[in-house]
Amino acid sequence: MEKKLYRVREGKVLAGVCGGIGAYFNVDPTLIRVAWALLAATGSGVLAYLICALVIPQEP
């Protein structure tokens, strides 16, 4: 069965993007959130998060 990337419904903080990426790669979502916060500190992370929130579909 192939894996698909979704935004999570349960355990989400903002839009569920980091939780979905963590579930897809079998990584703790907290690590993804910390990495994304560091990326957001440079300025490009906020835009990337918004794009991901719009592009990645919600979990069925």
PDB file of N, CA and C in Angstrom:
ATOM      1  N   MET A   1       0.843  -1.181   0.000  1.00  0.00           N
ATOM      2  CA  MET A   1       0.000   0.000   0.000  1.00  0.00           C
ATOM      3  C   MET A   1       0.888   1.244   0.000  1.00  0.00           C
ATOM      4  N   GLU A   2       0.600   2.172  -0.874  1.00  0.00           N
ATOM      5  CA  GLU A   2       1.419   3.370  -0.957  1.00  0.00           C
ATOM      6  C   GLU A   2       0.988   4.403   0.086  1.00  0.00           C
ATOM      7  N   LYS A   3       1.963   5.135   0.585  1.00  0.00           N
ATOM      8  CA  LYS A   3       1.688   6.163   1.574  1.00  0.00           C
ATOM      9  C   LYS A   3       1.303   7.453   0.873  1.00  0.00           C
ATOM     10  N   LYS A   4       0.420   8.202   1.502  1.00  0.00           N
ATOM     11  CA  LYS A   4       0.027   9.498   0.973  1.00  0.00           C
ATOM     12  C   LYS A   4       0.218  10.536   2.063  1.00  0.00           C
ATOM     13  N   LEU A   5       0.567  11.727   1.652  1.00  0.00           N
ATOM     14  CA  LEU A   5       0.786  12.827   2.575  1.00  0.00           C
ATOM     15  C   LEU A   5      -0.529  13.568   2.792  1.00  0.00           C
ATOM     16  N   TYR A   6      -0.941  13.648   4.045  1.00  0.00           N
ATOM     17  CA  TYR A   6      -2.160  14.353   4.430  1.00  0.00           C
ATOM     18  C   TYR A   6      -1.876  15.255   5.610  1.00  0.00           C
ATOM     19  N   ARG A   7      -2.706  16.292   5.768  1.00  0.00           N
ATOM     20  CA  ARG A   7      -2.704  17.078   7.003  1.00  0.00           C
ATOM     21  C   ARG A   7      -3.540  16.298   8.013  1.00  0.00           C
ATOM     22  N   VAL A   8      -3.061  16.182   9.244  1.00  0.00           N
ATOM     23  CA  VAL A   8      -3.767  15.396  10.248  1.00  0.00           C
ATOM     24  C   VAL A   8      -4.932  16.184  10.830  1.00  0.00           C
ATOM     25  N   ARG A   9      -5.924  15.445  11.312  1.00  0.00           N
ATOM     26  CA  ARG A   9      -7.072  16.063  11.983  1.00  0.00           C
ATOM     27  C   ARG A   9      -6.880  16.081  13.494  1.00  0.00           C
ATOM     28  N   GLU A  10      -6.322  15.009  14.031  1.00  0.00           N
ATOM     29  CA  GLU A  10      -6.119  14.911  15.483  1.00  0.00           C
ATOM     30  C   GLU A  10      -4.659  15.175  15.809  1.00  0.00           C
ATOM     31  N   GLY A  11      -4.415  15.937  16.853  1.00  0.00           N
ATOM     32  CA  GLY A  11      -3.060  16.235  17.263  1.00  0.00           C
ATOM     33  C   GLY A  11      -2.432  17.387  16.504  1.00  0.00           C
ATOM     34  N   LYS A  12      -3.255  18.170  15.832  1.00  0.00           N
ATOM     35  CA  LYS A  12      -2.710  19.286  15.073  1.00  0.00           C
ATOM     36  C   LYS A  12      -2.585  20.517  15.965  1.00  0.00           C
ATOM     37  N   VAL A  13      -1.674  21.397  15.615  1.00  0.00           N
ATOM     38  CA  VAL A  13      -1.492  22.638  16.349  1.00  0.00           C
ATOM     39  C   VAL A  13      -2.084  23.796  15.554  1.00  0.00           C
ATOM     40  N   LEU A  14      -1.663  23.964  14.322  1.00  0.00           N
ATOM     41  CA  LEU A  14      -2.242  25.020  13.477  1.00  0.00           C
ATOM     42  C   LEU A  14      -3.107  24.400  12.390  1.00  0.00           C
ATOM     43  N   ALA A  15      -2.484  23.938  11.337  1.00  0.00           N
ATOM     44  CA  ALA A  15      -3.248  23.371  10.221  1.00  0.00           C
ATOM     45  C   ALA A  15      -3.031  21.872  10.061  1.00  0.00           C
ATOM     46  N   GLY A  16      -2.149  21.284  10.864  1.00  0.00           N
ATOM     47  CA  GLY A  16      -1.901  19.853  10.780  1.00  0.00           C
ATOM     48  C   GLY A  16      -0.812  19.457   9.807  1.00  0.00           C
ATOM     49  N   VAL A  17      -0.084  20.447   9.281  1.00  0.00           N
ATOM     50  CA  VAL A  17       0.949  20.166   8.287  1.00  0.00           C
ATOM     51  C   VAL A  17       2.110  19.387   8.914  1.00  0.00           C
ATOM     52  N   CYS A  18       2.635  19.865  10.031  1.00  0.00           N
ATOM     53  CA  CYS A  18       3.787  19.210  10.666  1.00  0.00           C
ATOM     54  C   CYS A  18       3.420  17.813  11.165  1.00  0.00           C
ATOM     55  N   GLY A  19       2.208  17.650  11.682  1.00  0.00           N
ATOM     56  CA  GLY A  19       1.758  16.325  12.110  1.00  0.00           C
ATOM     57  C   GLY A  19       1.648  15.370  10.939  1.00  0.00           C
ATOM     58  N   GLY A  20       1.189  15.868   9.805  1.00  0.00           N
ATOM     59  CA  GLY A  20       1.084  15.038   8.612  1.00  0.00           C
ATOM     60  C   GLY A  20       2.439  14.644   8.056  1.00  0.00           C
ATOM     61  N   ILE A  21       3.368  15.577   8.065  1.00  0.00           N
ATOM     62  CA  ILE A  21       4.723  15.272   7.590  1.00  0.00           C
ATOM     63  C   ILE A  21       5.391  14.280   8.535  1.00  0.00           C
ATOM     64  N   GLY A  22       5.180  14.470   9.837  1.00  0.00           N
ATOM     65  CA  GLY A  22       5.734  13.535  10.815  1.00  0.00           C
ATOM     66  C   GLY A  22       5.159  12.140  10.650  1.00  0.00           C
ATOM     67  N   ALA A  23       3.873  12.038  10.402  1.00  0.00           N
ATOM     68  CA  ALA A  23       3.252  10.728  10.201  1.00  0.00           C
ATOM     69  C   ALA A  23       3.738  10.077   8.909  1.00  0.00           C
ATOM     70  N   TYR A  24       3.949  10.865   7.885  1.00  0.00           N
ATOM     71  CA  TYR A  24       4.404  10.330   6.591  1.00  0.00           C
ATOM     72  C   TYR A  24       5.812   9.749   6.695  1.00  0.00           C
ATOM     73  N   PHE A  25       6.690  10.451   7.407  1.00  0.00           N
ATOM     74  CA  PHE A  25       8.077  10.006   7.533  1.00  0.00           C
ATOM     75  C   PHE A  25       8.348   9.218   8.817  1.00  0.00           C
ATOM     76  N   ASN A  26       7.316   8.909   9.599  1.00  0.00           N
ATOM     77  CA  ASN A  26       7.444   8.188  10.869  1.00  0.00           C
ATOM     78  C   ASN A  26       8.432   8.875  11.810  1.00  0.00           C
ATOM     79  N   VAL A  27       8.259  10.187  11.957  1.00  0.00           N
ATOM     80  CA  VAL A  27       9.094  11.010  12.823  1.00  0.00           C
ATOM     81  C   VAL A  27       8.168  11.739  13.794  1.00  0.00           C
ATOM     82  N   ASP A  28       8.684  12.042  14.977  1.00  0.00           N
ATOM     83  CA  ASP A  28       7.902  12.780  15.961  1.00  0.00           C
ATOM     84  C   ASP A  28       7.559  14.168  15.398  1.00  0.00           C
ATOM     85  N   PRO A  29       6.285  14.544  15.391  1.00  0.00           N
ATOM     86  CA  PRO A  29       5.904  15.851  14.838  1.00  0.00           C
ATOM     87  C   PRO A  29       6.561  17.028  15.559  1.00  0.00           C
ATOM     88  N   THR A  30       6.949  16.836  16.818  1.00  0.00           N
ATOM     89  CA  THR A  30       7.616  17.912  17.547  1.00  0.00           C
ATOM     90  C   THR A  30       8.940  18.279  16.891  1.00  0.00           C
ATOM     91  N   LEU A  31       9.664  17.287  16.392  1.00  0.00           N
ATOM     92  CA  LEU A  31      10.922  17.564  15.699  1.00  0.00           C
ATOM     93  C   LEU A  31      10.673  18.351  14.415  1.00  0.00           C
ATOM     94  N   ILE A  32       9.603  18.010  13.721  1.00  0.00           N
ATOM     95  CA  ILE A  32       9.244  18.731  12.502  1.00  0.00           C
ATOM     96  C   ILE A  32       8.868  20.173  12.847  1.00  0.00           C
ATOM     97  N   ARG A  33       8.125  20.358  13.936  1.00  0.00           N
ATOM     98  CA  ARG A  33       7.724  21.711  14.348  1.00  0.00           C
ATOM     99  C   ARG A  33       8.932  22.569  14.717  1.00  0.00           C
ATOM    100  N   VAL A  34       9.904  21.980  15.410  1.00  0.00           N
ATOM    101  CA  VAL A  34      11.110  22.731  15.783  1.00  0.00           C
ATOM    102  C   VAL A  34      11.893  23.119  14.532  1.00  0.00           C
ATOM    103  N   ALA A  35      12.041  22.188  13.616  1.00  0.00           N
ATOM    104  CA  ALA A  35      12.749  22.488  12.370  1.00  0.00           C
ATOM    105  C   ALA A  35      12.019  23.579  11.590  1.00  0.00           C
ATOM    106  N   TRP A  36      10.689  23.515  11.570  1.00  0.00           N
ATOM    107  CA  TRP A  36       9.914  24.506  10.843  1.00  0.00           C
ATOM    108  C   TRP A  36      10.013  25.871  11.514  1.00  0.00           C
ATOM    109  N   ALA A  37      10.071  25.902  12.839  1.00  0.00           N
ATOM    110  CA  ALA A  37      10.228  27.170  13.560  1.00  0.00           C
ATOM    111  C   ALA A  37      11.579  27.804  13.241  1.00  0.00           C
ATOM    112  N   LEU A  38      12.619  26.987  13.142  1.00  0.00           N
ATOM    113  CA  LEU A  38      13.928  27.515  12.767  1.00  0.00           C
ATOM    114  C   LEU A  38      13.906  28.055  11.344  1.00  0.00           C
ATOM    115  N   LEU A  39      13.210  27.367  10.468  1.00  0.00           N
ATOM    116  CA  LEU A  39      13.076  27.826   9.090  1.00  0.00           C
ATOM    117  C   LEU A  39      12.242  29.108   9.029  1.00  0.00           C
ATOM    118  N   ALA A  40      11.234  29.203   9.880  1.00  0.00           N
ATOM    119  CA  ALA A  40      10.386  30.395   9.907  1.00  0.00           C
ATOM    120  C   ALA A  40      11.158  31.605  10.413  1.00  0.00           C
ATOM    121  N   ALA A  41      12.160  31.377  11.242  1.00  0.00           N
ATOM    122  CA  ALA A  41      12.972  32.479  11.744  1.00  0.00           C
ATOM    123  C   ALA A  41      13.755  33.154  10.622  1.00  0.00           C
ATOM    124  N   THR A  42      14.009  32.426   9.552  1.00  0.00           N
ATOM    125  CA  THR A  42      14.708  33.012   8.406  1.00  0.00           C
ATOM    126  C   THR A  42      13.749  33.763   7.485  1.00  0.00           C
ATOM    127  N   GLY A  43      12.456  33.544   7.656  1.00  0.00           N
ATOM    128  CA  GLY A  43      11.465  34.272   6.865  1.00  0.00           C
ATOM    129  C   GLY A  43      10.757  33.429   5.830  1.00  0.00           C
ATOM    130  N   SER A  44      11.437  32.448   5.266  1.00  0.00           N
ATOM    131  CA  SER A  44      10.821  31.660   4.201  1.00  0.00           C
ATOM    132  C   SER A  44       9.917  30.550   4.741  1.00  0.00           C
ATOM    133  N   GLY A  45      10.046  30.204   5.999  1.00  0.00           N
ATOM    134  CA  GLY A  45       9.272  29.121   6.580  1.00  0.00           C
ATOM    135  C   GLY A  45       7.790  29.425   6.686  1.00  0.00           C
ATOM    136  N   VAL A  46       7.454  30.670   6.938  1.00  0.00           N
ATOM    137  CA  VAL A  46       6.039  31.052   7.064  1.00  0.00           C
ATOM    138  C   VAL A  46       5.334  30.889   5.722  1.00  0.00           C
ATOM    139  N   LEU A  47       5.961  31.354   4.680  1.00  0.00           N
ATOM    140  CA  LEU A  47       5.377  31.220   3.348  1.00  0.00           C
ATOM    141  C   LEU A  47       5.268  29.754   2.946  1.00  0.00           C
ATOM    142  N   ALA A  48       6.301  28.976   3.238  1.00  0.00           N
ATOM    143  CA  ALA A  48       6.277  27.550   2.903  1.00  0.00           C
ATOM    144  C   ALA A  48       5.169  26.830   3.671  1.00  0.00           C
ATOM    145  N   TYR A  49       4.959  27.188   4.941  1.00  0.00           N
ATOM    146  CA  TYR A  49       3.898  26.560   5.723  1.00  0.00           C
ATOM    147  C   TYR A  49       2.527  26.890   5.144  1.00  0.00           C
ATOM    148  N   LEU A  50       2.315  28.128   4.777  1.00  0.00           N
ATOM    149  CA  LEU A  50       1.031  28.522   4.190  1.00  0.00           C
ATOM    150  C   LEU A  50       0.772  27.795   2.878  1.00  0.00           C
ATOM    151  N   ILE A  51       1.798  27.650   2.067  1.00  0.00           N
ATOM    152  CA  ILE A  51       1.642  26.928   0.806  1.00  0.00           C
ATOM    153  C   ILE A  51       1.307  25.463   1.070  1.00  0.00           C
ATOM    154  N   CYS A  52       2.010  24.854   2.029  1.00  0.00           N
ATOM    155  CA  CYS A  52       1.728  23.454   2.368  1.00  0.00           C
ATOM    156  C   CYS A  52       0.319  23.287   2.921  1.00  0.00           C
ATOM    157  N   ALA A  53      -0.136  24.235   3.727  1.00  0.00           N
ATOM    158  CA  ALA A  53      -1.472  24.155   4.292  1.00  0.00           C
ATOM    159  C   ALA A  53      -2.544  24.216   3.193  1.00  0.00           C
ATOM    160  N   LEU A  54      -2.249  24.912   2.124  1.00  0.00           N
ATOM    161  CA  LEU A  54      -3.204  25.017   1.023  1.00  0.00           C
ATOM    162  C   LEU A  54      -3.113  23.835   0.060  1.00  0.00           C
ATOM    163  N   VAL A  55      -1.929  23.279  -0.121  1.00  0.00           N
ATOM    164  CA  VAL A  55      -1.712  22.246  -1.130  1.00  0.00           C
ATOM    165  C   VAL A  55      -1.971  20.837  -0.599  1.00  0.00           C
ATOM    166  N   ILE A  56      -1.534  20.550   0.622  1.00  0.00           N
ATOM    167  CA  ILE A  56      -1.666  19.200   1.177  1.00  0.00           C
ATOM    168  C   ILE A  56      -3.122  18.986   1.603  1.00  0.00           C
ATOM    169  N   PRO A  57      -3.766  17.928   1.142  1.00  0.00           N
ATOM    170  CA  PRO A  57      -5.179  17.691   1.490  1.00  0.00           C
ATOM    171  C   PRO A  57      -5.331  17.216   2.935  1.00  0.00           C
ATOM    172  N   GLN A  58      -6.501  17.475   3.479  1.00  0.00           N
ATOM    173  CA  GLN A  58      -6.835  17.039   4.843  1.00  0.00           C
ATOM    174  C   GLN A  58      -7.064  15.533   4.857  1.00  0.00           C
ATOM    175  N   GLU A  59      -6.709  14.905   5.940  1.00  0.00           N
ATOM    176  CA  GLU A  59      -6.867  13.475   6.127  1.00  0.00           C
ATOM    177  C   GLU A  59      -8.341  13.077   5.992  1.00  0.00           C
ATOM    178  N   PRO A  60      -8.624  12.031   5.235  1.00  0.00           N
ATOM    179  CA  PRO A  60     -10.033  11.631   5.070  1.00  0.00           C
ATOM    180  C   PRO A  60     -10.621  11.032   6.337  1.00  0.00           C
TER     181      PRO A  60
END
